[in-house]
């Protein structure tokens, strides 16, 4: 899931694993490719659900 910014023009603020308890109301489901691309482009991974680990992303 991507947690979107405060308005329609703000970039996403977090990538979450689906069902994360910490995902905000502005979150929407996305595919694996979009989540990986977002992480690669610098969107932060949620520190609680660790989608980077779940997706196998290694720094």
PDB file of N, CA and C in Angstrom:
ATOM      1  N   UNK A   1       0.840  -1.177   0.000  1.00  0.00           N
ATOM      2  CA  UNK A   1       0.000   0.000   0.000  1.00  0.00           C
ATOM      3  C   UNK A   1       0.884   1.238   0.000  1.00  0.00           C
ATOM      4  N   UNK A   2       0.379   2.312  -0.616  1.00  0.00           N
ATOM      5  CA  UNK A   2       1.049   3.605  -0.558  1.00  0.00           C
ATOM      6  C   UNK A   2       0.214   4.542   0.296  1.00  0.00           C
ATOM      7  N   UNK A   3       0.874   5.197   1.231  1.00  0.00           N
ATOM      8  CA  UNK A   3       0.206   6.239   2.013  1.00  0.00           C
ATOM      9  C   UNK A   3       0.489   7.559   1.315  1.00  0.00           C
ATOM     10  N   UNK A   4      -0.560   8.169   0.800  1.00  0.00           N
ATOM     11  CA  UNK A   4      -0.416   9.384   0.016  1.00  0.00           C
ATOM     12  C   UNK A   4      -0.201  10.599   0.903  1.00  0.00           C
ATOM     13  N   UNK A   5       0.336  11.669   0.302  1.00  0.00           N
ATOM     14  CA  UNK A   5       0.569  12.913   1.023  1.00  0.00           C
ATOM     15  C   UNK A   5      -0.735  13.615   1.353  1.00  0.00           C
ATOM     16  N   UNK A   6      -0.632  14.786   1.944  1.00  0.00           N
ATOM     17  CA  UNK A   6      -1.810  15.512   2.414  1.00  0.00           C
ATOM     18  C   UNK A   6      -2.720  16.026   1.313  1.00  0.00           C
ATOM     19  N   UNK A   7      -2.189  16.282   0.133  1.00  0.00           N
ATOM     20  CA  UNK A   7      -3.055  16.717  -0.963  1.00  0.00           C
ATOM     21  C   UNK A   7      -2.730  15.912  -2.215  1.00  0.00           C
ATOM     22  N   UNK A   8      -3.465  16.132  -3.260  1.00  0.00           N
ATOM     23  CA  UNK A   8      -3.288  15.361  -4.479  1.00  0.00           C
ATOM     24  C   UNK A   8      -1.966  15.568  -5.186  1.00  0.00           C
ATOM     25  N   UNK A   9      -1.243  16.622  -4.827  1.00  0.00           N
ATOM     26  CA  UNK A   9       0.021  16.928  -5.491  1.00  0.00           C
ATOM     27  C   UNK A   9       1.238  16.508  -4.667  1.00  0.00           C
ATOM     28  N   UNK A  10       1.026  16.062  -3.452  1.00  0.00           N
ATOM     29  CA  UNK A  10       2.137  15.642  -2.598  1.00  0.00           C
ATOM     30  C   UNK A  10       2.557  14.218  -2.951  1.00  0.00           C
ATOM     31  N   UNK A  11       3.850  13.938  -2.875  1.00  0.00           N
ATOM     32  CA  UNK A  11       4.300  12.564  -3.142  1.00  0.00           C
ATOM     33  C   UNK A  11       3.882  11.635  -1.994  1.00  0.00           C
ATOM     34  N   UNK A  12       3.897  10.333  -2.242  1.00  0.00           N
ATOM     35  CA  UNK A  12       3.592   9.385  -1.165  1.00  0.00           C
ATOM     36  C   UNK A  12       4.578   9.542  -0.014  1.00  0.00           C
ATOM     37  N   UNK A  13       4.123   9.251   1.206  1.00  0.00           N
ATOM     38  CA  UNK A  13       4.997   9.405   2.368  1.00  0.00           C
ATOM     39  C   UNK A  13       5.514   8.071   2.902  1.00  0.00           C
ATOM     40  N   UNK A  14       4.769   6.988   2.713  1.00  0.00           N
ATOM     41  CA  UNK A  14       5.199   5.670   3.191  1.00  0.00           C
ATOM     42  C   UNK A  14       4.707   4.572   2.261  1.00  0.00           C
ATOM     43  N   UNK A  15       5.472   3.501   2.219  1.00  0.00           N
ATOM     44  CA  UNK A  15       5.029   2.243   1.622  1.00  0.00           C
ATOM     45  C   UNK A  15       4.723   1.330   2.805  1.00  0.00           C
ATOM     46  N   UNK A  16       3.588   0.648   2.761  1.00  0.00           N
ATOM     47  CA  UNK A  16       3.167  -0.266   3.821  1.00  0.00           C
ATOM     48  C   UNK A  16       2.888  -1.646   3.251  1.00  0.00           C
ATOM     49  N   UNK A  17       2.975  -2.659   4.083  1.00  0.00           N
ATOM     50  CA  UNK A  17       2.476  -3.988   3.756  1.00  0.00           C
ATOM     51  C   UNK A  17       0.956  -3.920   3.883  1.00  0.00           C
ATOM     52  N   UNK A  18       0.232  -4.603   3.024  1.00  0.00           N
ATOM     53  CA  UNK A  18      -1.228  -4.606   3.108  1.00  0.00           C
ATOM     54  C   UNK A  18      -1.700  -5.027   4.485  1.00  0.00           C
ATOM     55  N   UNK A  19      -2.630  -4.296   5.044  1.00  0.00           N
ATOM     56  CA  UNK A  19      -3.161  -4.600   6.364  1.00  0.00           C
ATOM     57  C   UNK A  19      -2.376  -4.018   7.524  1.00  0.00           C
ATOM     58  N   UNK A  20      -1.376  -3.192   7.243  1.00  0.00           N
ATOM     59  CA  UNK A  20      -0.577  -2.588   8.315  1.00  0.00           C
ATOM     60  C   UNK A  20      -1.474  -1.754   9.226  1.00  0.00           C
ATOM     61  N   UNK A  21      -1.321  -1.931  10.513  1.00  0.00           N
ATOM     62  CA  UNK A  21      -2.125  -1.196  11.495  1.00  0.00           C
ATOM     63  C   UNK A  21      -1.784   0.298  11.497  1.00  0.00           C
ATOM     64  N   UNK A  22      -0.623   0.664  10.974  1.00  0.00           N
ATOM     65  CA  UNK A  22      -0.174   2.052  11.025  1.00  0.00           C
ATOM     66  C   UNK A  22      -0.472   2.828   9.729  1.00  0.00           C
ATOM     67  N   UNK A  23      -1.068   2.174   8.752  1.00  0.00           N
ATOM     68  CA  UNK A  23      -1.381   2.857   7.489  1.00  0.00           C
ATOM     69  C   UNK A  23      -2.474   3.893   7.727  1.00  0.00           C
ATOM     70  N   UNK A  24      -2.275   5.067   7.182  1.00  0.00           N
ATOM     71  CA  UNK A  24      -3.246   6.141   7.370  1.00  0.00           C
ATOM     72  C   UNK A  24      -4.460   5.988   6.473  1.00  0.00           C
ATOM     73  N   UNK A  25      -5.410   6.877   6.658  1.00  0.00           N
ATOM     74  CA  UNK A  25      -6.651   6.844   5.879  1.00  0.00           C
ATOM     75  C   UNK A  25      -6.420   7.189   4.413  1.00  0.00           C
ATOM     76  N   UNK A  26      -5.291   7.806   4.102  1.00  0.00           N
ATOM     77  CA  UNK A  26      -4.991   8.175   2.722  1.00  0.00           C
ATOM     78  C   UNK A  26      -4.216   7.075   1.996  1.00  0.00           C
ATOM     79  N   UNK A  27      -4.259   5.849   2.477  1.00  0.00           N
ATOM     80  CA  UNK A  27      -3.531   4.747   1.866  1.00  0.00           C
ATOM     81  C   UNK A  27      -4.376   4.064   0.800  1.00  0.00           C
ATOM     82  N   UNK A  28      -3.688   3.570  -0.227  1.00  0.00           N
ATOM     83  CA  UNK A  28      -4.372   2.821  -1.274  1.00  0.00           C
ATOM     84  C   UNK A  28      -3.518   1.625  -1.664  1.00  0.00           C
ATOM     85  N   UNK A  29      -4.174   0.570  -2.059  1.00  0.00           N
ATOM     86  CA  UNK A  29      -3.477  -0.629  -2.480  1.00  0.00           C
ATOM     87  C   UNK A  29      -2.783  -0.425  -3.815  1.00  0.00           C
ATOM     88  N   UNK A  30      -1.585  -0.974  -3.949  1.00  0.00           N
ATOM     89  CA  UNK A  30      -0.830  -0.921  -5.203  1.00  0.00           C
ATOM     90  C   UNK A  30      -0.200  -2.287  -5.429  1.00  0.00           C
ATOM     91  N   UNK A  31       0.226  -2.527  -6.635  1.00  0.00           N
ATOM     92  CA  UNK A  31       0.886  -3.779  -6.973  1.00  0.00           C
ATOM     93  C   UNK A  31       2.321  -3.825  -6.475  1.00  0.00           C
ATOM     94  N   UNK A  32       2.890  -5.010  -6.525  1.00  0.00           N
ATOM     95  CA  UNK A  32       4.263  -5.229  -6.078  1.00  0.00           C
ATOM     96  C   UNK A  32       5.248  -4.319  -6.831  1.00  0.00           C
ATOM     97  N   UNK A  33       5.085  -4.215  -8.150  1.00  0.00           N
ATOM     98  CA  UNK A  33       5.995  -3.405  -8.957  1.00  0.00           C
ATOM     99  C   UNK A  33       5.977  -1.938  -8.552  1.00  0.00           C
ATOM    100  N   UNK A  34       4.785  -1.419  -8.300  1.00  0.00           N
ATOM    101  CA  UNK A  34       4.658  -0.017  -7.877  1.00  0.00           C
ATOM    102  C   UNK A  34       5.290   0.192  -6.512  1.00  0.00           C
ATOM    103  N   UNK A  35       5.092  -0.761  -5.609  1.00  0.00           N
ATOM    104  CA  UNK A  35       5.691  -0.655  -4.276  1.00  0.00           C
ATOM    105  C   UNK A  35       7.217  -0.685  -4.364  1.00  0.00           C
ATOM    106  N   UNK A  36       7.755  -1.596  -5.168  1.00  0.00           N
ATOM    107  CA  UNK A  36       9.211  -1.676  -5.331  1.00  0.00           C
ATOM    108  C   UNK A  36       9.767  -0.398  -5.960  1.00  0.00           C
ATOM    109  N   UNK A  37       9.105   0.101  -6.981  1.00  0.00           N
ATOM    110  CA  UNK A  37       9.537   1.328  -7.647  1.00  0.00           C
ATOM    111  C   UNK A  37       9.499   2.508  -6.677  1.00  0.00           C
ATOM    112  N   UNK A  38       8.465   2.581  -5.864  1.00  0.00           N
ATOM    113  CA  UNK A  38       8.351   3.672  -4.889  1.00  0.00           C
ATOM    114  C   UNK A  38       9.487   3.627  -3.882  1.00  0.00           C
ATOM    115  N   UNK A  39       9.812   2.436  -3.390  1.00  0.00           N
ATOM    116  CA  UNK A  39      10.935   2.303  -2.457  1.00  0.00           C
ATOM    117  C   UNK A  39      12.244   2.717  -3.126  1.00  0.00           C
ATOM    118  N   UNK A  40      12.432   2.307  -4.386  1.00  0.00           N
ATOM    119  CA  UNK A  40      13.653   2.648  -5.121  1.00  0.00           C
ATOM    120  C   UNK A  40      13.753   4.151  -5.362  1.00  0.00           C
ATOM    121  N   UNK A  41      12.610   4.824  -5.482  1.00  0.00           N
ATOM    122  CA  UNK A  41      12.594   6.265  -5.725  1.00  0.00           C
ATOM    123  C   UNK A  41      12.678   7.081  -4.436  1.00  0.00           C
ATOM    124  N   UNK A  42      12.790   6.411  -3.302  1.00  0.00           N
ATOM    125  CA  UNK A  42      13.021   7.122  -2.049  1.00  0.00           C
ATOM    126  C   UNK A  42      11.842   7.272  -1.118  1.00  0.00           C
ATOM    127  N   UNK A  43      10.684   6.670  -1.459  1.00  0.00           N
ATOM    128  CA  UNK A  43       9.563   6.713  -0.520  1.00  0.00           C
ATOM    129  C   UNK A  43       9.948   5.843   0.674  1.00  0.00           C
ATOM    130  N   UNK A  44       9.732   6.338   1.869  1.00  0.00           N
ATOM    131  CA  UNK A  44      10.149   5.618   3.068  1.00  0.00           C
ATOM    132  C   UNK A  44       9.307   4.363   3.300  1.00  0.00           C
ATOM    133  N   UNK A  45       9.957   3.317   3.786  1.00  0.00           N
ATOM    134  CA  UNK A  45       9.263   2.102   4.193  1.00  0.00           C
ATOM    135  C   UNK A  45       8.745   2.290   5.615  1.00  0.00           C
ATOM    136  N   UNK A  46       7.527   1.856   5.874  1.00  0.00           N
ATOM    137  CA  UNK A  46       6.963   1.947   7.223  1.00  0.00           C
ATOM    138  C   UNK A  46       7.882   1.189   8.186  1.00  0.00           C
ATOM    139  N   UNK A  47       8.283   1.819   9.279  1.00  0.00           N
ATOM    140  CA  UNK A  47       9.172   1.151  10.226  1.00  0.00           C
ATOM    141  C   UNK A  47       8.472   0.072  11.052  1.00  0.00           C
ATOM    142  N   UNK A  48       7.149   0.007  10.982  1.00  0.00           N
ATOM    143  CA  UNK A  48       6.406  -0.977  11.771  1.00  0.00           C
ATOM    144  C   UNK A  48       6.173  -2.279  11.010  1.00  0.00           C
ATOM    145  N   UNK A  49       5.746  -2.179   9.742  1.00  0.00           N
ATOM    146  CA  UNK A  49       5.433  -3.395   8.988  1.00  0.00           C
ATOM    147  C   UNK A  49       6.565  -3.829   8.059  1.00  0.00           C
ATOM    148  N   UNK A  50       7.550  -2.993   7.832  1.00  0.00           N
ATOM    149  CA  UNK A  50       8.746  -3.279   7.060  1.00  0.00           C
ATOM    150  C   UNK A  50       8.477  -3.884   5.679  1.00  0.00           C
ATOM    151  N   UNK A  51       7.817  -3.135   4.783  1.00  0.00           N
ATOM    152  CA  UNK A  51       7.546  -3.665   3.457  1.00  0.00           C
ATOM    153  C   UNK A  51       8.807  -3.924   2.646  1.00  0.00           C
ATOM    154  N   UNK A  52       9.883  -3.215   2.951  1.00  0.00           N
ATOM    155  CA  UNK A  52      11.145  -3.459   2.247  1.00  0.00           C
ATOM    156  C   UNK A  52      11.640  -4.873   2.518  1.00  0.00           C
ATOM    157  N   UNK A  53      11.514  -5.327   3.743  1.00  0.00           N
ATOM    158  CA  UNK A  53      11.900  -6.695   4.096  1.00  0.00           C
ATOM    159  C   UNK A  53      10.946  -7.706   3.473  1.00  0.00           C
ATOM    160  N   UNK A  54       9.658  -7.419   3.534  1.00  0.00           N
ATOM    161  CA  UNK A  54       8.657  -8.325   2.966  1.00  0.00           C
ATOM    162  C   UNK A  54       8.824  -8.477   1.455  1.00  0.00           C
ATOM    163  N   UNK A  55       9.275  -7.422   0.769  1.00  0.00           N
ATOM    164  CA  UNK A  55       9.461  -7.456  -0.664  1.00  0.00           C
ATOM    165  C   UNK A  55      10.852  -7.927  -1.075  1.00  0.00           C
ATOM    166  N   UNK A  56      11.718  -8.150  -0.107  1.00  0.00           N
ATOM    167  CA  UNK A  56      13.062  -8.646  -0.396  1.00  0.00           C
ATOM    168  C   UNK A  56      14.022  -7.577  -0.875  1.00  0.00           C
ATOM    169  N   UNK A  57      13.767  -6.322  -0.534  1.00  0.00           N
ATOM    170  CA  UNK A  57      14.640  -5.221  -0.918  1.00  0.00           C
ATOM    171  C   UNK A  57      15.814  -5.157   0.050  1.00  0.00           C
ATOM    172  N   UNK A  58      17.021  -5.165  -0.500  1.00  0.00           N
ATOM    173  CA  UNK A  58      18.229  -5.080   0.331  1.00  0.00           C
ATOM    174  C   UNK A  58      18.986  -3.828  -0.084  1.00  0.00           C
ATOM    175  N   UNK A  59      19.363  -3.021   0.904  1.00  0.00           N
ATOM    176  CA  UNK A  59      20.124  -1.786   0.584  1.00  0.00           C
ATOM    177  C   UNK A  59      21.501  -2.108   0.103  1.00  0.00           C
TER     178      UNK A  59
END
